[in-house]
Every structure is written in C-alpha cells, then in structure tokens.
C-alpha cells in the first residue's frame, strides 16, 4: 500500500510539473508548498477515479474508500490508504473535513450520472464542490483570514472552474459530458442533450457567452477580495487568477465556433503573473 501511495504522489507531481498550478505553487515557502501539493495529490487521485471510465460501482467504491479514509483521519484513527503527509497537513493547518468531503461529493456527481447541461443551480453546486472547496482548503494554508478566505475560495474557485468548462467543451463532449447550463442553451434555441451536437451548433457562442460573463464577474470579485488581504497571503491565488483570466480572455477572443483551436496559457503571461506576485 505504501508503494501505491508513493506511485500516486509521483504521478500527481509529474502531472503538476509545468502547469500554471505548479508555477504558482513554486513561489510558496517550502512548508506551505508541500501541504498544497498534498491537497493537490488528493484532488488528482479522486479526479482520476471519476475520469477513468471504469465500471461505476468500482468508481463509487474507490471514492467511498477515500471518504472512509478522510473520516478515519478526523476520528483520530489511521487511514488505510491516505498518505501520512496528508494527515500531517490536516493537523498542522486545521483543514476542514467538510471541504475534503465536498470534493469527493463533486467527483461522485460525475460518476453517478453523466453530467449533461445541468441547470445553473446544479452547476453552481458542482463548481463549489470541485473547485471552491479546494480553495477553502488552500486559503487556510496561505494564511488568509477566515472571512476573506472563504469569500476568495467561493469566487476564484468558480471563476477557475467556469473557465475550465469553457476551455474543455470539446474534450468533455468526447466522453459524453457537457457542463454548459441548460438555461443558456435553451435561451438560444438549443434543445438537444447530445454534447457533440450541442458543441457543433452554429449558436454555441451565444450559449457560452453568459458562462464567460459569469466567470469574468467572479474574477473581478476575487480580485477585490485579494486587494484587501496582505500581499504575502494571496500571491499564489493571484498567479492562478492572472493565468486563468488570460485563458478566459483568449477563449473569448478566439470565439466558440467549431473547429476550436485549443487555448493554452502563453509562457509570457505566466511569467508576468509570477513577476507581479513576486513584487512587494
């Protein structure tokens, strides 16, 4: 089991390397950086379960094991598979059980029923679980105060996840998923529930526009929150916000009509975000 845990962490570290997440993490002091990586490893592990395409009963059992491990940690019992470093991170930074559980709940939403055009309310719940809950764990490590930390996680998590949804519509459709909200699709006359058919629609851009607008508004709210926090506590989320907002702007500039070129973060944009974060 120890070997499996080490392999899981090695794979997560390899996948993080070179990403905007990894670049943002690198500016943290070593102690904080390691804890954030443990949170990332947990998130990658449960996300991989949800995305592996295996039998649903197996996926649910694997997520159930993580749920049992989290419960064991908070009950003071040794978990069967969670790494010791995660246990120590939870203890050292008083990370909340409900946030880990929320992440698992979000992954279960992808497993129990393939998500296709959820309503806005369901999409918001999903974003809270798979993104803002992760943010709530991270802001405690960054040292953001409780009130501002929860608010920052709420808005930045949603901004990042909505940007991911817009960036990945082709990839998601390829596995039968579609996260664009039902109301936005119906408002432009799209009534099919077939993801491939939806993303090929000539009016897909009109359905993506309100999602992009909502993401942009969350970025603005997140920036306002970070502006009133000590700079040292929001450097890493500042890099993430800058990187993903750049992706969102490039998506909007590219447009939504098929065929859609994959949008990736320019290295210069990431370096600029890192430079801004490093300045006092």
C-alpha atoms as a PDB file:
ATOM      1  CA  UNK A   1       0.000   0.000   0.000  1.00  0.00           C
ATOM      2  CA  UNK A   2       2.876   2.382   0.785  1.00  0.00           C
ATOM      3  CA  UNK A   3       4.288   1.751  -2.690  1.00  0.00           C
ATOM      4  CA  UNK A   4       0.899   2.573  -4.246  1.00  0.00           C
ATOM      5  CA  UNK A   5       0.728   5.844  -2.325  1.00  0.00           C
ATOM      6  CA  UNK A   6       4.240   6.812  -3.443  1.00  0.00           C
ATOM      7  CA  UNK A   7       3.350   5.988  -7.036  1.00  0.00           C
ATOM      8  CA  UNK A   8       0.176   8.082  -6.809  1.00  0.00           C
ATOM      9  CA  UNK A   9       2.103  11.067  -5.443  1.00  0.00           C
ATOM     10  CA  UNK A  10       4.814  10.685  -8.078  1.00  0.00           C
ATOM     11  CA  UNK A  11       2.214  10.679 -10.853  1.00  0.00           C
ATOM     12  CA  UNK A  12       0.475  13.721  -9.398  1.00  0.00           C
ATOM     13  CA  UNK A  13       3.773  15.606  -9.118  1.00  0.00           C
ATOM     14  CA  UNK A  14       4.645  14.729 -12.710  1.00  0.00           C
ATOM     15  CA  UNK A  15       1.265  15.968 -13.970  1.00  0.00           C
ATOM     16  CA  UNK A  16       1.527  19.193 -11.970  1.00  0.00           C
ATOM     17  CA  UNK A  17       5.020  19.984 -13.244  1.00  0.00           C
ATOM     18  CA  UNK A  18       4.931  22.630 -15.957  1.00  0.00           C
ATOM     19  CA  UNK A  19       1.338  23.661 -15.256  1.00  0.00           C
ATOM     20  CA  UNK A  20       0.187  27.065 -14.063  1.00  0.00           C
ATOM     21  CA  UNK A  21      -0.663  25.370 -10.766  1.00  0.00           C
ATOM     22  CA  UNK A  22       2.905  24.186 -10.343  1.00  0.00           C
ATOM     23  CA  UNK A  23       4.303  27.598 -11.198  1.00  0.00           C
ATOM     24  CA  UNK A  24       2.014  29.230  -8.638  1.00  0.00           C
ATOM     25  CA  UNK A  25       2.931  26.628  -6.030  1.00  0.00           C
ATOM     26  CA  UNK A  26       6.652  27.193  -6.525  1.00  0.00           C
ATOM     27  CA  UNK A  27       6.521  30.715  -5.096  1.00  0.00           C
ATOM     28  CA  UNK A  28       5.295  29.405  -1.729  1.00  0.00           C
ATOM     29  CA  UNK A  29       7.660  28.748   1.197  1.00  0.00           C
ATOM     30  CA  UNK A  30       8.676  25.050   1.291  1.00  0.00           C
ATOM     31  CA  UNK A  31       6.398  24.079   4.190  1.00  0.00           C
ATOM     32  CA  UNK A  32       3.304  25.599   2.630  1.00  0.00           C
ATOM     33  CA  UNK A  33       4.271  24.290  -0.798  1.00  0.00           C
ATOM     34  CA  UNK A  34       4.388  20.698   0.430  1.00  0.00           C
ATOM     35  CA  UNK A  35       0.977  20.979   2.080  1.00  0.00           C
ATOM     36  CA  UNK A  36      -0.579  22.450  -1.059  1.00  0.00           C
ATOM     37  CA  UNK A  37       0.938  19.612  -3.031  1.00  0.00           C
ATOM     38  CA  UNK A  38      -0.668  17.082  -0.664  1.00  0.00           C
ATOM     39  CA  UNK A  39      -4.044  18.751  -1.256  1.00  0.00           C
ATOM     40  CA  UNK A  40      -3.376  18.665  -4.998  1.00  0.00           C
ATOM     41  CA  UNK A  41      -2.423  14.966  -4.840  1.00  0.00           C
ATOM     42  CA  UNK A  42      -5.682  14.166  -3.055  1.00  0.00           C
ATOM     43  CA  UNK A  43      -7.675  16.098  -5.658  1.00  0.00           C
ATOM     44  CA  UNK A  44      -5.870  14.419  -8.546  1.00  0.00           C
ATOM     45  CA  UNK A  45      -6.465  10.991  -7.022  1.00  0.00           C
ATOM     46  CA  UNK A  46     -10.230  11.410  -6.684  1.00  0.00           C
ATOM     47  CA  UNK A  47     -10.484  13.221 -10.032  1.00  0.00           C
ATOM     48  CA  UNK A  48      -8.708  10.337 -11.753  1.00  0.00           C
ATOM     49  CA  UNK A  49     -11.222   7.926 -10.242  1.00  0.00           C
ATOM     50  CA  UNK A  50     -14.108   9.961 -11.659  1.00  0.00           C
ATOM     51  CA  UNK A  51     -12.482  10.217 -15.084  1.00  0.00           C
ATOM     52  CA  UNK A  52     -11.141   6.694 -15.566  1.00  0.00           C
ATOM     53  CA  UNK A  53     -14.273   5.467 -17.346  1.00  0.00           C
ATOM     54  CA  UNK A  54     -14.404   2.213 -15.420  1.00  0.00           C
ATOM     55  CA  UNK A  55     -17.491   0.479 -14.016  1.00  0.00           C
ATOM     56  CA  UNK A  56     -19.456   2.901 -11.874  1.00  0.00           C
ATOM     57  CA  UNK A  57     -19.692   0.533  -8.930  1.00  0.00           C
ATOM     58  CA  UNK A  58     -15.898   0.296  -8.867  1.00  0.00           C
ATOM     59  CA  UNK A  59     -15.531   4.065  -9.115  1.00  0.00           C
ATOM     60  CA  UNK A  60     -18.022   4.607  -6.299  1.00  0.00           C
ATOM     61  CA  UNK A  61     -16.235   2.034  -4.152  1.00  0.00           C
ATOM     62  CA  UNK A  62     -12.909   3.795  -4.701  1.00  0.00           C
ATOM     63  CA  UNK A  63     -14.405   7.171  -3.822  1.00  0.00           C
ATOM     64  CA  UNK A  64     -16.036   5.515  -0.824  1.00  0.00           C
ATOM     65  CA  UNK A  65     -12.614   4.361   0.325  1.00  0.00           C
ATOM     66  CA  UNK A  66     -11.333   7.917   0.202  1.00  0.00           C
ATOM     67  CA  UNK A  67     -14.403   9.037   2.131  1.00  0.00           C
ATOM     68  CA  UNK A  68     -13.681   6.376   4.761  1.00  0.00           C
ATOM     69  CA  UNK A  69     -10.035   7.463   4.952  1.00  0.00           C
ATOM     70  CA  UNK A  70     -10.999  11.100   5.495  1.00  0.00           C
ATOM     71  CA  UNK A  71     -13.462  10.054   8.206  1.00  0.00           C
ATOM     72  CA  UNK A  72     -10.757   7.930   9.858  1.00  0.00           C
ATOM     73  CA  UNK A  73      -8.285  10.826   9.886  1.00  0.00           C
ATOM     74  CA  UNK A  74     -10.762  13.128  11.617  1.00  0.00           C
ATOM     75  CA  UNK A  75     -11.717  10.389  14.067  1.00  0.00           C
ATOM     76  CA  UNK A  76      -8.074  10.005  15.031  1.00  0.00           C
ATOM     77  CA  UNK A  77      -7.756   6.537  13.508  1.00  0.00           C
ATOM     78  CA  UNK A  78      -5.114   5.515  10.947  1.00  0.00           C
ATOM     79  CA  UNK A  79      -6.438   5.676   7.373  1.00  0.00           C
ATOM     80  CA  UNK A  80      -5.958   2.607   5.209  1.00  0.00           C
ATOM     81  CA  UNK A  81      -4.519   4.362   2.160  1.00  0.00           C
ATOM     82  CA  UNK A  82      -4.220   8.138   2.629  1.00  0.00           C
ATOM     83  CA  UNK A  83      -0.564   9.251   2.856  1.00  0.00           C
ATOM     84  CA  UNK A  84       0.824  10.245   6.228  1.00  0.00           C
ATOM     85  CA  UNK A  85       1.809  13.636   4.807  1.00  0.00           C
ATOM     86  CA  UNK A  86      -1.858  14.427   4.169  1.00  0.00           C
ATOM     87  CA  UNK A  87      -2.714  13.517   7.762  1.00  0.00           C
ATOM     88  CA  UNK A  88       0.011  15.868   8.993  1.00  0.00           C
ATOM     89  CA  UNK A  89      -1.177  18.645   6.684  1.00  0.00           C
ATOM     90  CA  UNK A  90      -4.712  18.355   8.045  1.00  0.00           C
ATOM     91  CA  UNK A  91      -3.435  18.550  11.603  1.00  0.00           C
ATOM     92  CA  UNK A  92      -0.935  21.364  11.048  1.00  0.00           C
ATOM     93  CA  UNK A  93      -3.300  23.699   9.201  1.00  0.00           C
ATOM     94  CA  UNK A  94      -6.642  22.690  10.713  1.00  0.00           C
ATOM     95  CA  UNK A  95      -8.046  21.743   7.322  1.00  0.00           C
ATOM     96  CA  UNK A  96     -11.775  21.066   7.426  1.00  0.00           C
ATOM     97  CA  UNK A  97     -13.282  17.629   6.898  1.00  0.00           C
ATOM     98  CA  UNK A  98     -16.324  19.059   5.106  1.00  0.00           C
ATOM     99  CA  UNK A  99     -14.127  20.512   2.369  1.00  0.00           C
ATOM    100  CA  UNK A 100     -12.484  17.161   1.607  1.00  0.00           C
ATOM    101  CA  UNK A 101     -15.916  15.523   1.632  1.00  0.00           C
ATOM    102  CA  UNK A 102     -17.268  18.208  -0.710  1.00  0.00           C
ATOM    103  CA  UNK A 103     -14.532  17.421  -3.243  1.00  0.00           C
ATOM    104  CA  UNK A 104     -15.441  13.715  -3.116  1.00  0.00           C
ATOM    105  CA  UNK A 105     -19.131  14.630  -3.461  1.00  0.00           C
ATOM    106  CA  UNK A 106     -18.284  16.638  -6.578  1.00  0.00           C
ATOM    107  CA  UNK A 107     -16.468  13.715  -8.136  1.00  0.00           C
ATOM    108  CA  UNK A 108     -19.422  11.465  -7.348  1.00  0.00           C
ATOM    109  CA  UNK A 109     -21.640  13.834  -9.338  1.00  0.00           C
ATOM    110  CA  UNK A 110     -19.574  12.919 -12.410  1.00  0.00           C
ATOM    111  CA  UNK A 111     -19.774   9.190 -11.624  1.00  0.00           C
ATOM    112  CA  UNK A 112     -23.375   8.675 -10.549  1.00  0.00           C
ATOM    113  CA  UNK A 113     -24.839  10.355 -13.617  1.00  0.00           C
ATOM    114  CA  UNK A 114     -23.046  11.723 -16.665  1.00  0.00           C
ATOM    115  CA  UNK A 115     -23.496  15.484 -16.433  1.00  0.00           C
ATOM    116  CA  UNK A 116     -25.203  16.972 -19.459  1.00  0.00           C
ATOM    117  CA  UNK A 117     -26.479  20.550 -19.480  1.00  0.00           C
ATOM    118  CA  UNK A 118     -27.182  20.949 -15.747  1.00  0.00           C
ATOM    119  CA  UNK A 119     -29.272  23.891 -14.628  1.00  0.00           C
ATOM    120  CA  UNK A 120     -27.427  26.889 -13.219  1.00  0.00           C
ATOM    121  CA  UNK A 121     -28.119  25.862  -9.611  1.00  0.00           C
ATOM    122  CA  UNK A 122     -26.694  22.369 -10.097  1.00  0.00           C
ATOM    123  CA  UNK A 123     -23.695  23.745 -11.971  1.00  0.00           C
ATOM    124  CA  UNK A 124     -23.006  26.126  -9.097  1.00  0.00           C
ATOM    125  CA  UNK A 125     -23.112  23.254  -6.597  1.00  0.00           C
ATOM    126  CA  UNK A 126     -20.714  21.309  -8.803  1.00  0.00           C
ATOM    127  CA  UNK A 127     -18.309  24.276  -9.026  1.00  0.00           C
ATOM    128  CA  UNK A 128     -18.429  24.713  -5.268  1.00  0.00           C
ATOM    129  CA  UNK A 129     -17.558  21.079  -4.662  1.00  0.00           C
ATOM    130  CA  UNK A 130     -14.819  20.519  -7.221  1.00  0.00           C
ATOM    131  CA  UNK A 131     -13.223  23.981  -7.119  1.00  0.00           C
ATOM    132  CA  UNK A 132     -14.277  26.290  -4.298  1.00  0.00           C
ATOM    133  CA  UNK A 133     -13.923  23.512  -1.705  1.00  0.00           C
ATOM    134  CA  UNK A 134     -10.343  23.042  -2.873  1.00  0.00           C
ATOM    135  CA  UNK A 135      -9.868  26.775  -2.491  1.00  0.00           C
ATOM    136  CA  UNK A 136     -11.205  26.661   1.075  1.00  0.00           C
ATOM    137  CA  UNK A 137      -8.535  24.093   1.911  1.00  0.00           C
ATOM    138  CA  UNK A 138      -5.798  26.124   0.241  1.00  0.00           C
ATOM    139  CA  UNK A 139      -6.554  29.555   1.722  1.00  0.00           C
ATOM    140  CA  UNK A 140      -6.017  28.152   5.207  1.00  0.00           C
ATOM    141  CA  UNK A 141      -2.517  27.150   4.127  1.00  0.00           C
ATOM    142  CA  UNK A 142      -1.883  30.535   2.504  1.00  0.00           C
ATOM    143  CA  UNK A 143      -2.817  32.270   5.763  1.00  0.00           C
ATOM    144  CA  UNK A 144      -5.812  34.245   4.504  1.00  0.00           C
ATOM    145  CA  UNK A 145      -8.178  35.186   7.324  1.00  0.00           C
ATOM    146  CA  UNK A 146     -11.370  33.143   7.613  1.00  0.00           C
ATOM    147  CA  UNK A 147     -13.877  35.646   6.234  1.00  0.00           C
ATOM    148  CA  UNK A 148     -11.806  36.756   3.262  1.00  0.00           C
ATOM    149  CA  UNK A 149     -10.525  33.226   2.670  1.00  0.00           C
ATOM    150  CA  UNK A 150     -13.981  31.703   2.348  1.00  0.00           C
ATOM    151  CA  UNK A 151     -15.111  34.530   0.069  1.00  0.00           C
ATOM    152  CA  UNK A 152     -11.980  34.256  -2.092  1.00  0.00           C
ATOM    153  CA  UNK A 153     -12.389  30.496  -2.431  1.00  0.00           C
ATOM    154  CA  UNK A 154     -16.037  30.979  -3.391  1.00  0.00           C
ATOM    155  CA  UNK A 155     -15.356  33.428  -6.211  1.00  0.00           C
ATOM    156  CA  UNK A 156     -11.958  32.338  -7.501  1.00  0.00           C
ATOM    157  CA  UNK A 157     -12.941  28.669  -7.434  1.00  0.00           C
ATOM    158  CA  UNK A 158     -15.997  29.366  -9.562  1.00  0.00           C
ATOM    159  CA  UNK A 159     -14.021  31.612 -11.922  1.00  0.00           C
ATOM    160  CA  UNK A 160     -11.406  28.933 -12.498  1.00  0.00           C
ATOM    161  CA  UNK A 161     -13.920  26.111 -12.921  1.00  0.00           C
ATOM    162  CA  UNK A 162     -16.143  28.021 -15.343  1.00  0.00           C
ATOM    163  CA  UNK A 163     -13.037  28.862 -17.368  1.00  0.00           C
ATOM    164  CA  UNK A 164     -12.095  25.173 -17.382  1.00  0.00           C
ATOM    165  CA  UNK A 165     -15.586  24.270 -18.583  1.00  0.00           C
ATOM    166  CA  UNK A 166     -15.345  26.701 -21.489  1.00  0.00           C
ATOM    167  CA  UNK A 167     -11.829  25.586 -22.388  1.00  0.00           C
ATOM    168  CA  UNK A 168     -12.673  21.872 -22.280  1.00  0.00           C
ATOM    169  CA  UNK A 169     -16.034  21.661 -24.057  1.00  0.00           C
ATOM    170  CA  UNK A 170     -14.626  19.518 -26.878  1.00  0.00           C
ATOM    171  CA  UNK A 171     -12.754  17.189 -24.544  1.00  0.00           C
ATOM    172  CA  UNK A 172     -15.774  16.820 -22.259  1.00  0.00           C
ATOM    173  CA  UNK A 173     -18.119  16.150 -25.178  1.00  0.00           C
ATOM    174  CA  UNK A 174     -15.780  13.365 -26.257  1.00  0.00           C
ATOM    175  CA  UNK A 175     -16.616  11.486 -23.059  1.00  0.00           C
ATOM    176  CA  UNK A 176     -20.308  12.358 -23.139  1.00  0.00           C
ATOM    177  CA  UNK A 177     -20.246  15.302 -20.744  1.00  0.00           C
ATOM    178  CA  UNK A 178     -21.440  18.875 -21.141  1.00  0.00           C
ATOM    179  CA  UNK A 179     -21.328  21.440 -18.337  1.00  0.00           C
ATOM    180  CA  UNK A 180     -22.867  24.397 -20.174  1.00  0.00           C
ATOM    181  CA  UNK A 181     -26.041  25.349 -18.277  1.00  0.00           C
ATOM    182  CA  UNK A 182     -29.407  24.268 -19.598  1.00  0.00           C
ATOM    183  CA  UNK A 183     -30.898  27.753 -19.345  1.00  0.00           C
ATOM    184  CA  UNK A 184     -28.155  29.249 -21.527  1.00  0.00           C
ATOM    185  CA  UNK A 185     -28.681  26.566 -24.167  1.00  0.00           C
ATOM    186  CA  UNK A 186     -32.465  26.862 -24.180  1.00  0.00           C
ATOM    187  CA  UNK A 187     -32.241  30.657 -24.402  1.00  0.00           C
ATOM    188  CA  UNK A 188     -30.589  30.347 -27.826  1.00  0.00           C
ATOM    189  CA  UNK A 189     -32.849  27.545 -29.050  1.00  0.00           C
ATOM    190  CA  UNK A 190     -30.618  24.527 -28.388  1.00  0.00           C
ATOM    191  CA  UNK A 191     -32.860  21.715 -27.152  1.00  0.00           C
ATOM    192  CA  UNK A 192     -30.801  18.589 -27.863  1.00  0.00           C
ATOM    193  CA  UNK A 193     -28.985  16.940 -24.960  1.00  0.00           C
ATOM    194  CA  UNK A 194     -26.297  15.373 -27.149  1.00  0.00           C
ATOM    195  CA  UNK A 195     -22.962  17.026 -26.205  1.00  0.00           C
ATOM    196  CA  UNK A 196     -21.426  16.527 -29.657  1.00  0.00           C
ATOM    197  CA  UNK A 197     -24.477  18.025 -31.337  1.00  0.00           C
ATOM    198  CA  UNK A 198     -24.560  20.945 -28.929  1.00  0.00           C
ATOM    199  CA  UNK A 199     -20.943  21.985 -29.398  1.00  0.00           C
ATOM    200  CA  UNK A 200     -21.390  21.792 -33.193  1.00  0.00           C
ATOM    201  CA  UNK A 201     -24.351  24.200 -33.108  1.00  0.00           C
ATOM    202  CA  UNK A 202     -23.849  27.459 -35.010  1.00  0.00           C
ATOM    203  CA  UNK A 203     -25.174  29.364 -31.985  1.00  0.00           C
ATOM    204  CA  UNK A 204     -22.895  27.706 -29.422  1.00  0.00           C
ATOM    205  CA  UNK A 205     -21.134  31.025 -28.886  1.00  0.00           C
ATOM    206  CA  UNK A 206     -24.336  32.616 -27.644  1.00  0.00           C
ATOM    207  CA  UNK A 207     -24.685  29.838 -25.069  1.00  0.00           C
ATOM    208  CA  UNK A 208     -21.058  30.198 -23.940  1.00  0.00           C
ATOM    209  CA  UNK A 209     -21.284  33.989 -23.548  1.00  0.00           C
ATOM    210  CA  UNK A 210     -23.193  34.058 -20.224  1.00  0.00           C
ATOM    211  CA  UNK A 211     -20.829  31.459 -18.759  1.00  0.00           C
ATOM    212  CA  UNK A 212     -17.850  33.593 -19.755  1.00  0.00           C
ATOM    213  CA  UNK A 213     -19.533  36.684 -18.319  1.00  0.00           C
ATOM    214  CA  UNK A 214     -20.180  34.935 -15.019  1.00  0.00           C
ATOM    215  CA  UNK A 215     -16.567  33.727 -14.864  1.00  0.00           C
ATOM    216  CA  UNK A 216     -15.322  37.262 -15.503  1.00  0.00           C
ATOM    217  CA  UNK A 217     -17.532  38.642 -12.739  1.00  0.00           C
ATOM    218  CA  UNK A 218     -16.171  36.061 -10.282  1.00  0.00           C
ATOM    219  CA  UNK A 219     -12.616  37.070 -11.263  1.00  0.00           C
ATOM    220  CA  UNK A 220     -13.469  40.704 -10.507  1.00  0.00           C
ATOM    221  CA  UNK A 221     -14.922  39.806  -7.102  1.00  0.00           C
ATOM    222  CA  UNK A 222     -11.885  37.631  -6.329  1.00  0.00           C
ATOM    223  CA  UNK A 223      -9.514  40.458  -7.233  1.00  0.00           C
ATOM    224  CA  UNK A 224     -11.378  42.851  -4.960  1.00  0.00           C
ATOM    225  CA  UNK A 225     -11.022  40.405  -2.076  1.00  0.00           C
ATOM    226  CA  UNK A 226      -7.303  39.857  -2.716  1.00  0.00           C
ATOM    227  CA  UNK A 227      -6.749  43.624  -2.817  1.00  0.00           C
ATOM    228  CA  UNK A 228      -7.746  43.899   0.846  1.00  0.00           C
ATOM    229  CA  UNK A 229      -5.608  40.951   2.010  1.00  0.00           C
ATOM    230  CA  UNK A 230      -1.913  41.051   2.967  1.00  0.00           C
ATOM    231  CA  UNK A 231       0.031  40.501  -0.263  1.00  0.00           C
ATOM    232  CA  UNK A 232       2.031  37.560   1.098  1.00  0.00           C
ATOM    233  CA  UNK A 233      -1.173  35.567   1.692  1.00  0.00           C
ATOM    234  CA  UNK A 234      -2.598  35.933  -1.810  1.00  0.00           C
ATOM    235  CA  UNK A 235       0.440  35.682  -4.064  1.00  0.00           C
ATOM    236  CA  UNK A 236      -0.306  32.148  -5.183  1.00  0.00           C
ATOM    237  CA  UNK A 237      -4.045  32.671  -5.792  1.00  0.00           C
ATOM    238  CA  UNK A 238      -3.061  35.886  -7.565  1.00  0.00           C
ATOM    239  CA  UNK A 239      -0.922  33.916 -10.008  1.00  0.00           C
ATOM    240  CA  UNK A 240      -3.735  31.443 -10.597  1.00  0.00           C
ATOM    241  CA  UNK A 241      -6.228  34.248 -11.162  1.00  0.00           C
ATOM    242  CA  UNK A 242      -3.932  36.009 -13.618  1.00  0.00           C
ATOM    243  CA  UNK A 243      -3.179  32.826 -15.537  1.00  0.00           C
ATOM    244  CA  UNK A 244      -6.767  31.676 -15.860  1.00  0.00           C
ATOM    245  CA  UNK A 245      -8.128  35.119 -16.621  1.00  0.00           C
ATOM    246  CA  UNK A 246      -5.668  35.234 -19.507  1.00  0.00           C
ATOM    247  CA  UNK A 247      -7.045  31.902 -20.734  1.00  0.00           C
ATOM    248  CA  UNK A 248     -10.601  33.226 -20.494  1.00  0.00           C
ATOM    249  CA  UNK A 249      -9.730  36.341 -22.495  1.00  0.00           C
ATOM    250  CA  UNK A 250      -8.085  34.243 -25.201  1.00  0.00           C
ATOM    251  CA  UNK A 251     -11.108  31.933 -25.349  1.00  0.00           C
ATOM    252  CA  UNK A 252     -13.409  34.902 -25.837  1.00  0.00           C
ATOM    253  CA  UNK A 253     -11.108  36.374 -28.494  1.00  0.00           C
ATOM    254  CA  UNK A 254     -10.892  33.023 -30.318  1.00  0.00           C
ATOM    255  CA  UNK A 255     -14.635  32.502 -30.311  1.00  0.00           C
ATOM    256  CA  UNK A 256     -16.646  29.313 -29.895  1.00  0.00           C
ATOM    257  CA  UNK A 257     -17.409  28.207 -33.426  1.00  0.00           C
ATOM    258  CA  UNK A 258     -16.087  24.785 -34.438  1.00  0.00           C
ATOM    259  CA  UNK A 259     -13.392  23.824 -35.166  1.00  0.00           C
ATOM    260  CA  UNK A 260     -11.966  25.354 -31.984  1.00  0.00           C
ATOM    261  CA  UNK A 261      -8.199  25.624 -31.558  1.00  0.00           C
ATOM    262  CA  UNK A 262      -7.030  24.524 -28.117  1.00  0.00           C
ATOM    263  CA  UNK A 263      -6.230  27.550 -25.953  1.00  0.00           C
ATOM    264  CA  UNK A 264      -3.159  27.245 -23.773  1.00  0.00           C
ATOM    265  CA  UNK A 265      -1.570  29.766 -21.473  1.00  0.00           C
ATOM    266  CA  UNK A 266       1.241  31.719 -23.078  1.00  0.00           C
ATOM    267  CA  UNK A 267       4.508  31.386 -21.190  1.00  0.00           C
ATOM    268  CA  UNK A 268       4.922  35.166 -21.218  1.00  0.00           C
ATOM    269  CA  UNK A 269       1.551  35.575 -19.479  1.00  0.00           C
ATOM    270  CA  UNK A 270       2.510  33.115 -16.763  1.00  0.00           C
ATOM    271  CA  UNK A 271       5.889  34.765 -16.257  1.00  0.00           C
ATOM    272  CA  UNK A 272       4.186  38.145 -15.936  1.00  0.00           C
ATOM    273  CA  UNK A 273       1.827  36.758 -13.308  1.00  0.00           C
ATOM    274  CA  UNK A 274       4.771  35.295 -11.401  1.00  0.00           C
ATOM    275  CA  UNK A 275       6.650  38.597 -11.615  1.00  0.00           C
ATOM    276  CA  UNK A 276       3.681  40.540 -10.277  1.00  0.00           C
ATOM    277  CA  UNK A 277       3.333  38.068  -7.406  1.00  0.00           C
ATOM    278  CA  UNK A 278       6.998  38.415  -6.502  1.00  0.00           C
ATOM    279  CA  UNK A 279       6.847  42.197  -6.228  1.00  0.00           C
ATOM    280  CA  UNK A 280       6.076  43.673  -2.778  1.00  0.00           C
END
